[in-house]
């Protein structure tokens, strides 16, 4: 179980770093956030193998507080 948590923690850090690197205008609409989250979920699906929550929803919960909508 610690290995699963570590994978998710690493994925979270990676995804948030990628998000922060995007130009500000690409981080301010729900459409852009949603598209980024779907892509990130697909690219990091191995980090969410044992998660009960949908990876897309989990990533959205990480990004929305940072979006300042």
C-alpha atoms as a PDB file:
ATOM      1  CA  UNK A   1       0.000   0.000   0.000  1.00  0.00           C
ATOM      2  CA  UNK A   2       2.785   2.544   0.711  1.00  0.00           C
ATOM      3  CA  UNK A   3       4.027   1.990  -2.848  1.00  0.00           C
ATOM      4  CA  UNK A   4       0.604   2.972  -4.238  1.00  0.00           C
ATOM      5  CA  UNK A   5       0.507   6.112  -2.105  1.00  0.00           C
ATOM      6  CA  UNK A   6       4.014   7.043  -3.205  1.00  0.00           C
ATOM      7  CA  UNK A   7       3.064   6.626  -6.875  1.00  0.00           C
ATOM      8  CA  UNK A   8       0.047   8.876  -6.374  1.00  0.00           C
ATOM      9  CA  UNK A   9       2.132  11.441  -4.497  1.00  0.00           C
ATOM     10  CA  UNK A  10       4.723  11.505  -7.283  1.00  0.00           C
ATOM     11  CA  UNK A  11       1.996  11.772  -9.934  1.00  0.00           C
ATOM     12  CA  UNK A  12       0.344  14.636  -8.023  1.00  0.00           C
ATOM     13  CA  UNK A  13       3.600  16.580  -7.845  1.00  0.00           C
ATOM     14  CA  UNK A  14       4.350  15.949 -11.513  1.00  0.00           C
ATOM     15  CA  UNK A  15       0.853  16.961 -12.655  1.00  0.00           C
ATOM     16  CA  UNK A  16       0.790  20.134 -10.569  1.00  0.00           C
ATOM     17  CA  UNK A  17       4.249  21.127 -11.860  1.00  0.00           C
ATOM     18  CA  UNK A  18       3.078  20.601 -15.454  1.00  0.00           C
ATOM     19  CA  UNK A  19      -0.031  22.645 -14.693  1.00  0.00           C
ATOM     20  CA  UNK A  20       1.968  25.508 -13.218  1.00  0.00           C
ATOM     21  CA  UNK A  21       4.205  25.636 -16.305  1.00  0.00           C
ATOM     22  CA  UNK A  22       1.258  26.285 -18.627  1.00  0.00           C
ATOM     23  CA  UNK A  23       0.652  29.888 -19.709  1.00  0.00           C
ATOM     24  CA  UNK A  24      -1.823  31.620 -17.419  1.00  0.00           C
ATOM     25  CA  UNK A  25      -4.482  31.918 -20.127  1.00  0.00           C
ATOM     26  CA  UNK A  26      -4.423  28.099 -20.543  1.00  0.00           C
ATOM     27  CA  UNK A  27      -5.212  27.636 -16.836  1.00  0.00           C
ATOM     28  CA  UNK A  28      -8.241  29.905 -16.433  1.00  0.00           C
ATOM     29  CA  UNK A  29     -11.183  28.169 -18.085  1.00  0.00           C
ATOM     30  CA  UNK A  30     -13.054  25.055 -17.016  1.00  0.00           C
ATOM     31  CA  UNK A  31     -12.589  23.644 -20.506  1.00  0.00           C
ATOM     32  CA  UNK A  32      -8.815  23.975 -20.341  1.00  0.00           C
ATOM     33  CA  UNK A  33      -8.701  22.527 -16.824  1.00  0.00           C
ATOM     34  CA  UNK A  34     -10.890  19.608 -17.849  1.00  0.00           C
ATOM     35  CA  UNK A  35      -8.862  18.861 -20.969  1.00  0.00           C
ATOM     36  CA  UNK A  36      -5.592  18.972 -19.022  1.00  0.00           C
ATOM     37  CA  UNK A  37      -7.008  16.704 -16.293  1.00  0.00           C
ATOM     38  CA  UNK A  38      -8.240  14.118 -18.810  1.00  0.00           C
ATOM     39  CA  UNK A  39      -4.867  14.030 -20.544  1.00  0.00           C
ATOM     40  CA  UNK A  40      -2.993  13.808 -17.234  1.00  0.00           C
ATOM     41  CA  UNK A  41      -5.253  10.972 -16.058  1.00  0.00           C
ATOM     42  CA  UNK A  42      -4.497   8.985 -19.202  1.00  0.00           C
ATOM     43  CA  UNK A  43      -0.760   9.655 -19.026  1.00  0.00           C
ATOM     44  CA  UNK A  44      -0.565   8.681 -15.339  1.00  0.00           C
ATOM     45  CA  UNK A  45      -3.125   5.892 -15.189  1.00  0.00           C
ATOM     46  CA  UNK A  46      -0.630   3.490 -13.559  1.00  0.00           C
ATOM     47  CA  UNK A  47      -0.489   5.770 -10.491  1.00  0.00           C
ATOM     48  CA  UNK A  48      -4.241   5.385  -9.934  1.00  0.00           C
ATOM     49  CA  UNK A  49      -4.613   1.630 -10.389  1.00  0.00           C
ATOM     50  CA  UNK A  50      -5.957   0.894  -6.902  1.00  0.00           C
ATOM     51  CA  UNK A  51      -7.754   4.170  -6.352  1.00  0.00           C
ATOM     52  CA  UNK A  52     -11.501   4.044  -5.784  1.00  0.00           C
ATOM     53  CA  UNK A  53     -11.930   7.573  -7.107  1.00  0.00           C
ATOM     54  CA  UNK A  54     -11.924   8.332 -10.780  1.00  0.00           C
ATOM     55  CA  UNK A  55      -8.437   9.660 -11.688  1.00  0.00           C
ATOM     56  CA  UNK A  56      -9.988  12.553 -13.616  1.00  0.00           C
ATOM     57  CA  UNK A  57     -11.990  13.657 -10.564  1.00  0.00           C
ATOM     58  CA  UNK A  58      -8.966  13.338  -8.307  1.00  0.00           C
ATOM     59  CA  UNK A  59      -6.829  15.471 -10.631  1.00  0.00           C
ATOM     60  CA  UNK A  60      -9.610  18.052 -10.934  1.00  0.00           C
ATOM     61  CA  UNK A  61      -9.663  18.298  -7.129  1.00  0.00           C
ATOM     62  CA  UNK A  62      -5.942  19.097  -7.209  1.00  0.00           C
ATOM     63  CA  UNK A  63      -6.210  21.699  -9.969  1.00  0.00           C
ATOM     64  CA  UNK A  64      -9.396  23.624  -9.200  1.00  0.00           C
ATOM     65  CA  UNK A  65      -8.066  25.340  -6.048  1.00  0.00           C
ATOM     66  CA  UNK A  66      -5.106  26.529  -8.123  1.00  0.00           C
ATOM     67  CA  UNK A  67      -7.246  27.801 -11.015  1.00  0.00           C
ATOM     68  CA  UNK A  68      -8.627  30.893  -9.237  1.00  0.00           C
ATOM     69  CA  UNK A  69     -11.904  30.754 -11.162  1.00  0.00           C
END
